[in-house]
Amino acid sequence: MREECGKMERVEMSIWECCELLNEYVDESDPDLDEPQIQHLLQTAEAIRKDYPDEGWLHLTALIHDLGKVLLHPAFGELPQWAMVGDTFPVGCALDESIVDHKYFQENPDNKNPAYNTKYGIYSEGCGLHNVLMSWGHDDYMY
């Protein structure tokens, strides 16, 4: 997925057109919000604008922070929510049950690999976060 989605060969559009695409989706992983993602983007941007009125760059960041969720849309590949939303987590080690949609890990071949199912997995204790491979999702697409 990291390689396929990273090609950036999908669609060219404005930021606002991208925001409008998210009007069709409610993030099933977010227990605090039962509104389309466009509402989340606008509410977040407005809250940041109110709290930090002189930080224009931060207002924009708040507005676009979840635009990678366009990968749910058919024009961008129509990926399933379990593959795109939720939190980022380390791979190559035991997967914590607190990770959103943890139930899907049972179908992941890595779940059956003993090398990946210990506390540190393929990593050594104290190796540093820069040496840990993280899951890929909507945040990475925007990056």
N, C-alpha and C. Protein backbone atom coordinates (compact mmCIF):
# COMPACT_ATOMS: atom_id res chain seq x y z
N MET A 1 0.83 -1.18 0.00
CA MET A 1 0.00 0.00 0.00
C MET A 1 0.88 1.25 0.00
N ARG A 2 1.94 1.21 0.77
CA ARG A 2 2.86 2.35 0.87
C ARG A 2 3.36 2.73 -0.53
N GLU A 3 3.76 1.73 -1.30
CA GLU A 3 4.29 1.98 -2.64
C GLU A 3 3.19 2.38 -3.62
N GLU A 4 2.09 1.66 -3.61
CA GLU A 4 0.99 1.93 -4.55
C GLU A 4 0.40 3.32 -4.35
N CYS A 5 0.06 3.68 -3.15
CA CYS A 5 -0.57 4.98 -2.88
C CYS A 5 0.43 6.12 -2.98
N GLY A 6 1.69 5.82 -2.83
CA GLY A 6 2.71 6.86 -2.89
C GLY A 6 3.04 7.34 -4.29
N LYS A 7 2.46 6.72 -5.30
CA LYS A 7 2.74 7.09 -6.69
C LYS A 7 2.18 8.46 -7.05
N MET A 8 1.16 8.90 -6.36
CA MET A 8 0.55 10.21 -6.62
C MET A 8 0.05 10.33 -8.06
N GLU A 9 -0.51 9.26 -8.59
CA GLU A 9 -1.03 9.25 -9.96
C GLU A 9 -2.55 9.24 -9.97
N ARG A 10 -3.17 9.82 -9.01
CA ARG A 10 -4.61 9.70 -8.85
C ARG A 10 -5.38 10.82 -9.55
N VAL A 11 -5.53 11.94 -8.89
CA VAL A 11 -6.39 13.02 -9.35
C VAL A 11 -5.74 14.35 -8.98
N GLU A 12 -5.96 15.36 -9.79
CA GLU A 12 -5.50 16.70 -9.45
C GLU A 12 -6.72 17.55 -9.16
N MET A 13 -6.72 18.23 -8.01
CA MET A 13 -7.86 19.05 -7.61
C MET A 13 -7.42 20.08 -6.59
N SER A 14 -8.31 21.02 -6.32
CA SER A 14 -8.03 22.03 -5.31
C SER A 14 -8.22 21.45 -3.91
N ILE A 15 -7.71 22.14 -2.92
CA ILE A 15 -7.91 21.72 -1.53
C ILE A 15 -9.40 21.65 -1.21
N TRP A 16 -10.15 22.66 -1.63
CA TRP A 16 -11.59 22.67 -1.31
C TRP A 16 -12.32 21.53 -2.00
N GLU A 17 -11.97 21.21 -3.25
CA GLU A 17 -12.59 20.07 -3.94
C GLU A 17 -12.31 18.78 -3.17
N CYS A 18 -11.12 18.67 -2.66
CA CYS A 18 -10.75 17.50 -1.86
C CYS A 18 -11.57 17.45 -0.57
N CYS A 19 -11.71 18.59 0.08
CA CYS A 19 -12.54 18.66 1.30
C CYS A 19 -13.96 18.21 1.00
N GLU A 20 -14.51 18.66 -0.13
CA GLU A 20 -15.88 18.31 -0.47
C GLU A 20 -16.06 16.81 -0.68
N LEU A 21 -15.04 16.12 -1.18
CA LEU A 21 -15.12 14.67 -1.34
C LEU A 21 -15.33 13.98 0.01
N LEU A 22 -14.78 14.57 1.05
CA LEU A 22 -14.89 13.96 2.38
C LEU A 22 -16.26 14.17 3.01
N ASN A 23 -17.13 14.91 2.34
CA ASN A 23 -18.50 15.09 2.83
C ASN A 23 -19.26 13.77 2.80
N GLU A 24 -18.75 12.79 2.06
CA GLU A 24 -19.41 11.49 1.90
C GLU A 24 -19.02 10.49 2.98
N TYR A 25 -18.06 10.82 3.83
CA TYR A 25 -17.50 9.82 4.75
C TYR A 25 -17.55 10.24 6.20
N VAL A 26 -17.93 9.28 7.04
CA VAL A 26 -17.85 9.42 8.49
C VAL A 26 -16.77 8.44 8.93
N ASP A 27 -15.79 8.91 9.67
CA ASP A 27 -14.69 8.06 10.14
C ASP A 27 -15.22 7.13 11.22
N GLU A 28 -15.33 5.85 10.88
CA GLU A 28 -15.87 4.85 11.81
C GLU A 28 -14.97 4.62 13.02
N SER A 29 -13.71 5.05 12.93
CA SER A 29 -12.77 4.82 14.03
C SER A 29 -12.82 5.92 15.08
N ASP A 30 -13.54 6.99 14.81
CA ASP A 30 -13.58 8.14 15.71
C ASP A 30 -14.82 8.06 16.61
N PRO A 31 -14.63 7.73 17.88
CA PRO A 31 -15.79 7.58 18.78
C PRO A 31 -16.43 8.91 19.17
N ASP A 32 -15.76 10.02 18.88
CA ASP A 32 -16.25 11.33 19.30
C ASP A 32 -17.00 12.09 18.21
N LEU A 33 -17.03 11.55 17.01
CA LEU A 33 -17.61 12.31 15.91
C LEU A 33 -18.45 11.41 15.01
N ASP A 34 -19.69 11.79 14.84
CA ASP A 34 -20.59 11.05 13.95
C ASP A 34 -21.05 11.97 12.83
N GLU A 35 -20.13 12.75 12.32
CA GLU A 35 -20.40 13.73 11.27
C GLU A 35 -19.49 13.42 10.08
N PRO A 36 -19.86 13.89 8.89
CA PRO A 36 -18.96 13.72 7.75
C PRO A 36 -17.60 14.37 8.02
N GLN A 37 -16.58 13.85 7.40
CA GLN A 37 -15.22 14.34 7.63
C GLN A 37 -15.05 15.82 7.30
N ILE A 38 -15.81 16.34 6.36
CA ILE A 38 -15.68 17.77 6.04
C ILE A 38 -16.04 18.60 7.27
N GLN A 39 -17.02 18.14 8.05
CA GLN A 39 -17.39 18.86 9.28
C GLN A 39 -16.24 18.84 10.27
N HIS A 40 -15.59 17.70 10.38
CA HIS A 40 -14.43 17.58 11.28
C HIS A 40 -13.32 18.54 10.85
N LEU A 41 -13.05 18.61 9.55
CA LEU A 41 -12.00 19.51 9.06
C LEU A 41 -12.33 20.97 9.39
N LEU A 42 -13.57 21.36 9.11
CA LEU A 42 -13.97 22.75 9.35
C LEU A 42 -14.00 23.09 10.84
N GLN A 43 -14.50 22.17 11.66
CA GLN A 43 -14.55 22.42 13.10
C GLN A 43 -13.14 22.54 13.67
N THR A 44 -12.25 21.67 13.23
CA THR A 44 -10.87 21.71 13.71
C THR A 44 -10.19 23.01 13.30
N ALA A 45 -10.33 23.39 12.04
CA ALA A 45 -9.71 24.62 11.55
C ALA A 45 -10.27 25.84 12.28
N GLU A 46 -11.57 25.86 12.52
CA GLU A 46 -12.18 27.00 13.21
C GLU A 46 -11.72 27.08 14.66
N ALA A 47 -11.62 25.94 15.33
CA ALA A 47 -11.16 25.94 16.73
C ALA A 47 -9.72 26.44 16.82
N ILE A 48 -8.88 26.01 15.89
CA ILE A 48 -7.49 26.46 15.87
C ILE A 48 -7.41 27.96 15.55
N ARG A 49 -8.23 28.42 14.60
CA ARG A 49 -8.24 29.85 14.24
C ARG A 49 -8.63 30.70 15.44
N LYS A 50 -9.61 30.20 16.20
CA LYS A 50 -10.08 30.94 17.38
C LYS A 50 -9.01 30.99 18.47
N ASP A 51 -8.33 29.85 18.69
CA ASP A 51 -7.32 29.78 19.75
C ASP A 51 -5.98 30.41 19.36
N TYR A 52 -5.67 30.39 18.08
CA TYR A 52 -4.37 30.90 17.59
C TYR A 52 -4.62 31.82 16.38
N PRO A 53 -5.21 32.98 16.60
CA PRO A 53 -5.62 33.84 15.48
C PRO A 53 -4.49 34.35 14.59
N ASP A 54 -3.28 34.39 15.09
CA ASP A 54 -2.16 34.94 14.30
C ASP A 54 -1.32 33.87 13.61
N GLU A 55 -1.77 32.63 13.66
CA GLU A 55 -0.99 31.52 13.10
C GLU A 55 -1.69 30.94 11.87
N GLY A 56 -1.67 31.69 10.76
CA GLY A 56 -2.35 31.27 9.54
C GLY A 56 -1.94 29.89 9.04
N TRP A 57 -0.66 29.58 9.15
CA TRP A 57 -0.18 28.27 8.71
C TRP A 57 -0.84 27.15 9.50
N LEU A 58 -1.12 27.41 10.78
CA LEU A 58 -1.74 26.40 11.64
C LEU A 58 -3.22 26.20 11.27
N HIS A 59 -3.88 27.27 10.85
CA HIS A 59 -5.28 27.17 10.41
C HIS A 59 -5.35 26.24 9.20
N LEU A 60 -4.44 26.43 8.25
CA LEU A 60 -4.41 25.59 7.05
C LEU A 60 -4.08 24.15 7.41
N THR A 61 -3.11 23.96 8.29
CA THR A 61 -2.75 22.61 8.71
C THR A 61 -3.94 21.90 9.33
N ALA A 62 -4.69 22.60 10.16
CA ALA A 62 -5.88 22.02 10.78
C ALA A 62 -6.92 21.64 9.73
N LEU A 63 -7.07 22.48 8.71
CA LEU A 63 -8.05 22.20 7.67
C LEU A 63 -7.68 20.96 6.87
N ILE A 64 -6.41 20.79 6.54
CA ILE A 64 -6.01 19.70 5.65
C ILE A 64 -5.53 18.44 6.37
N HIS A 65 -5.53 18.43 7.70
CA HIS A 65 -4.87 17.35 8.44
C HIS A 65 -5.41 15.95 8.13
N ASP A 66 -6.64 15.82 7.70
CA ASP A 66 -7.21 14.50 7.41
C ASP A 66 -7.55 14.31 5.94
N LEU A 67 -7.03 15.14 5.06
CA LEU A 67 -7.38 15.03 3.64
C LEU A 67 -6.92 13.72 3.02
N GLY A 68 -5.97 13.05 3.63
CA GLY A 68 -5.54 11.75 3.12
C GLY A 68 -6.65 10.71 3.12
N LYS A 69 -7.72 11.00 3.84
CA LYS A 69 -8.86 10.08 3.86
C LYS A 69 -9.59 10.04 2.52
N VAL A 70 -9.17 10.87 1.56
CA VAL A 70 -9.76 10.77 0.22
C VAL A 70 -9.45 9.42 -0.40
N LEU A 71 -8.51 8.69 0.16
CA LEU A 71 -8.22 7.34 -0.33
C LEU A 71 -9.42 6.41 -0.17
N LEU A 72 -10.42 6.83 0.58
CA LEU A 72 -11.66 6.07 0.71
C LEU A 72 -12.54 6.25 -0.53
N HIS A 73 -12.33 7.32 -1.26
CA HIS A 73 -13.16 7.68 -2.41
C HIS A 73 -12.77 6.86 -3.65
N PRO A 74 -13.74 6.50 -4.50
CA PRO A 74 -13.42 5.73 -5.71
C PRO A 74 -12.37 6.38 -6.61
N ALA A 75 -12.34 7.69 -6.70
CA ALA A 75 -11.35 8.37 -7.54
C ALA A 75 -9.93 8.17 -7.03
N PHE A 76 -9.80 7.74 -5.78
CA PHE A 76 -8.48 7.55 -5.17
C PHE A 76 -8.22 6.11 -4.78
N GLY A 77 -9.03 5.18 -5.25
CA GLY A 77 -8.78 3.78 -4.98
C GLY A 77 -9.79 3.08 -4.10
N GLU A 78 -10.65 3.84 -3.45
CA GLU A 78 -11.74 3.29 -2.62
C GLU A 78 -11.23 2.24 -1.61
N LEU A 79 -10.21 2.61 -0.88
CA LEU A 79 -9.66 1.70 0.12
C LEU A 79 -10.63 1.57 1.28
N PRO A 80 -10.64 0.42 1.95
CA PRO A 80 -11.55 0.24 3.09
C PRO A 80 -11.12 1.08 4.29
N GLN A 81 -12.09 1.47 5.12
CA GLN A 81 -11.77 2.31 6.28
C GLN A 81 -10.74 1.67 7.18
N TRP A 82 -10.82 0.36 7.40
CA TRP A 82 -9.89 -0.26 8.33
C TRP A 82 -8.44 -0.07 7.88
N ALA A 83 -8.22 0.16 6.58
CA ALA A 83 -6.87 0.32 6.06
C ALA A 83 -6.39 1.78 6.07
N MET A 84 -7.29 2.73 6.30
CA MET A 84 -6.94 4.13 6.14
C MET A 84 -7.13 5.00 7.36
N VAL A 85 -8.08 4.69 8.20
CA VAL A 85 -8.39 5.57 9.33
C VAL A 85 -7.82 4.99 10.62
N GLY A 86 -7.98 5.69 11.69
CA GLY A 86 -7.47 5.21 12.97
C GLY A 86 -6.06 5.71 13.22
N ASP A 87 -5.43 5.11 14.19
CA ASP A 87 -4.13 5.57 14.65
C ASP A 87 -2.99 4.84 13.94
N THR A 88 -1.84 5.47 13.92
CA THR A 88 -0.63 4.85 13.41
C THR A 88 -0.01 4.03 14.54
N PHE A 89 0.57 2.91 14.18
CA PHE A 89 1.14 2.01 15.18
C PHE A 89 2.38 1.32 14.61
N PRO A 90 3.26 0.83 15.48
CA PRO A 90 4.46 0.13 14.99
C PRO A 90 4.10 -1.24 14.43
N VAL A 91 4.77 -1.62 13.34
CA VAL A 91 4.62 -2.96 12.78
C VAL A 91 5.91 -3.73 13.01
N GLY A 92 5.84 -5.05 12.92
CA GLY A 92 7.02 -5.87 13.15
C GLY A 92 7.17 -6.30 14.60
N CYS A 93 6.14 -6.04 15.40
CA CYS A 93 6.13 -6.45 16.81
C CYS A 93 4.68 -6.74 17.19
N ALA A 94 4.48 -7.22 18.39
CA ALA A 94 3.12 -7.55 18.84
C ALA A 94 2.21 -6.33 18.70
N LEU A 95 1.01 -6.57 18.21
CA LEU A 95 0.04 -5.49 17.99
C LEU A 95 -0.85 -5.37 19.21
N ASP A 96 -0.91 -4.19 19.76
CA ASP A 96 -1.68 -3.95 20.98
C ASP A 96 -3.18 -4.00 20.70
N GLU A 97 -3.93 -4.57 21.61
CA GLU A 97 -5.38 -4.68 21.43
C GLU A 97 -6.10 -3.34 21.48
N SER A 98 -5.43 -2.30 21.92
CA SER A 98 -6.06 -0.98 21.96
C SER A 98 -6.07 -0.29 20.59
N ILE A 99 -5.38 -0.85 19.61
CA ILE A 99 -5.35 -0.27 18.27
C ILE A 99 -6.73 -0.39 17.65
N VAL A 100 -7.21 0.71 17.06
CA VAL A 100 -8.53 0.73 16.42
C VAL A 100 -8.60 -0.37 15.36
N ASP A 101 -9.71 -1.08 15.33
CA ASP A 101 -9.96 -2.17 14.38
C ASP A 101 -8.97 -3.33 14.55
N HIS A 102 -8.54 -3.55 15.77
CA HIS A 102 -7.61 -4.63 16.09
C HIS A 102 -8.08 -5.98 15.56
N LYS A 103 -9.38 -6.18 15.48
CA LYS A 103 -9.95 -7.47 15.04
C LYS A 103 -9.45 -7.87 13.65
N TYR A 104 -9.10 -6.90 12.81
CA TYR A 104 -8.65 -7.22 11.45
C TYR A 104 -7.24 -7.79 11.43
N PHE A 105 -6.50 -7.65 12.49
CA PHE A 105 -5.14 -8.18 12.52
C PHE A 105 -5.13 -9.71 12.47
N GLN A 106 -6.21 -10.34 12.85
CA GLN A 106 -6.27 -11.81 12.79
C GLN A 106 -6.10 -12.31 11.36
N GLU A 107 -6.50 -11.50 10.38
CA GLU A 107 -6.38 -11.89 8.98
C GLU A 107 -5.02 -11.52 8.38
N ASN A 108 -4.21 -10.78 9.11
CA ASN A 108 -2.91 -10.34 8.63
C ASN A 108 -1.90 -11.48 8.78
N PRO A 109 -1.20 -11.86 7.70
CA PRO A 109 -0.21 -12.94 7.79
C PRO A 109 0.87 -12.68 8.85
N ASP A 110 1.19 -11.42 9.10
CA ASP A 110 2.19 -11.10 10.13
C ASP A 110 1.75 -11.58 11.50
N ASN A 111 0.46 -11.69 11.70
CA ASN A 111 -0.08 -12.13 12.99
C ASN A 111 0.31 -13.58 13.30
N LYS A 112 0.65 -14.33 12.27
CA LYS A 112 1.03 -15.74 12.44
C LYS A 112 2.55 -15.94 12.46
N ASN A 113 3.30 -14.87 12.31
CA ASN A 113 4.76 -14.96 12.30
C ASN A 113 5.28 -14.73 13.72
N PRO A 114 5.87 -15.77 14.33
CA PRO A 114 6.34 -15.63 15.72
C PRO A 114 7.37 -14.51 15.91
N ALA A 115 8.13 -14.19 14.88
CA ALA A 115 9.14 -13.13 14.99
C ALA A 115 8.49 -11.76 15.22
N TYR A 116 7.23 -11.61 14.81
CA TYR A 116 6.54 -10.33 14.93
C TYR A 116 5.62 -10.26 16.15
N ASN A 117 5.55 -11.30 16.92
CA ASN A 117 4.54 -11.35 17.97
C ASN A 117 5.08 -11.32 19.39
N THR A 118 6.24 -10.72 19.54
CA THR A 118 6.78 -10.48 20.88
C THR A 118 6.76 -8.98 21.14
N LYS A 119 7.02 -8.59 22.34
CA LYS A 119 6.98 -7.17 22.71
C LYS A 119 7.84 -6.32 21.77
N TYR A 120 9.05 -6.76 21.49
CA TYR A 120 9.96 -5.97 20.64
C TYR A 120 9.99 -6.47 19.20
N GLY A 121 9.51 -7.67 18.94
CA GLY A 121 9.47 -8.20 17.58
C GLY A 121 10.82 -8.15 16.91
N ILE A 122 10.88 -7.49 15.76
CA ILE A 122 12.12 -7.43 14.97
C ILE A 122 13.08 -6.35 15.45
N TYR A 123 12.69 -5.63 16.49
CA TYR A 123 13.49 -4.51 17.00
C TYR A 123 14.23 -4.90 18.27
N SER A 124 15.30 -4.18 18.54
CA SER A 124 15.99 -4.39 19.82
C SER A 124 15.53 -3.29 20.78
N GLU A 125 15.48 -3.63 22.06
CA GLU A 125 15.06 -2.66 23.07
C GLU A 125 15.95 -1.42 22.99
N GLY A 126 15.31 -0.26 22.98
CA GLY A 126 16.04 1.00 22.96
C GLY A 126 16.58 1.38 21.58
N CYS A 127 16.07 0.76 20.52
CA CYS A 127 16.61 1.02 19.17
C CYS A 127 16.31 2.42 18.66
N GLY A 128 15.34 3.10 19.25
CA GLY A 128 14.97 4.45 18.82
C GLY A 128 13.82 4.43 17.83
N LEU A 129 12.91 5.37 17.98
CA LEU A 129 11.72 5.41 17.14
C LEU A 129 12.06 5.58 15.66
N HIS A 130 13.17 6.24 15.35
CA HIS A 130 13.56 6.43 13.95
C HIS A 130 13.88 5.11 13.26
N ASN A 131 14.08 4.04 14.02
CA ASN A 131 14.36 2.72 13.46
C ASN A 131 13.14 1.81 13.44
N VAL A 132 11.99 2.32 13.83
CA VAL A 132 10.77 1.51 13.89
C VAL A 132 9.89 1.84 12.69
N LEU A 133 9.47 0.81 11.97
CA LEU A 133 8.56 0.98 10.84
C LEU A 133 7.14 1.10 11.37
N MET A 134 6.46 2.16 10.95
CA MET A 134 5.09 2.41 11.40
C MET A 134 4.11 2.02 10.31
N SER A 135 2.88 1.75 10.70
CA SER A 135 1.83 1.45 9.74
C SER A 135 1.64 2.65 8.81
N TRP A 136 1.08 2.39 7.65
CA TRP A 136 0.88 3.43 6.64
C TRP A 136 -0.61 3.75 6.58
N GLY A 137 -0.95 5.03 6.52
CA GLY A 137 -2.36 5.40 6.46
C GLY A 137 -2.58 6.76 5.84
N HIS A 138 -3.73 7.33 6.13
CA HIS A 138 -4.13 8.59 5.49
C HIS A 138 -3.18 9.75 5.79
N ASP A 139 -2.57 9.76 6.95
CA ASP A 139 -1.63 10.84 7.28
C ASP A 139 -0.40 10.79 6.36
N ASP A 140 0.07 9.57 6.08
CA ASP A 140 1.23 9.41 5.22
C ASP A 140 0.93 9.84 3.79
N TYR A 141 -0.28 9.61 3.33
CA TYR A 141 -0.65 10.01 1.97
C TYR A 141 -0.52 11.52 1.80
N MET A 142 -0.97 12.26 2.79
CA MET A 142 -0.87 13.72 2.70
C MET A 142 0.58 14.19 2.82
N TYR A 143 1.38 13.47 3.58
CA TYR A 143 2.77 13.86 3.76
C TYR A 143 3.50 13.75 2.43
